[in-house]
Amino acid sequence: MRWVALLCLAVLICGCGALPSPTPTVAPPATPTPAPTAVPTRVPMSTPTSLPPFTPAAPGLSGSAAIAQLAVTELAGRLNVKATDIQVKSVEPVDWPDASLGCPQPGMMYIQMITPGYKVTLSAGGKDYVVHTDGKQRAVYCLPK
């Protein structure tokens, strides 16, 4: 029995020795990621699976006037009409559920975060249209479902 106890004690003593120090590793140098340079282009209305175009607001406008102008510019381009032929009916603040601004395109992935923006109702040629914006620089005409 003593031999077993001595053997267990010897195993414990040997097993509690110092651990080898880890070998330092050197991380490879970081390669800089180039900044994206592509700018979305206007896509014909007949292509519903395309990315929404970039439509900047006119400089100098602020508040709902800038938001309305952003939406009018988007719709005028889509309908190929003059911006003066479009009337603004309403501008409502909305929290969109993701970066698609409430107009997700099939096969596309969007950042899943609440995106504050506006739902702008416009009228042109006796017909109402709805344009969604992020309130800054993006406006999207949502095709009726």
Foldseek 3Di string as FASTA:
>chain_A
DVVVVVVVVVCVVVVPDDDDDDDDDDDDDDDDDDDDDDADDDDAPVDLQDQAHWQAFDPPDDDVVRQQRSQLVSVCVRVVHDSVQKAWDDKAKDFAQFPSQVAHHPPDDTGGDTQIWIWTWMDGPRDIFIWTDSRGITIHTHDDD
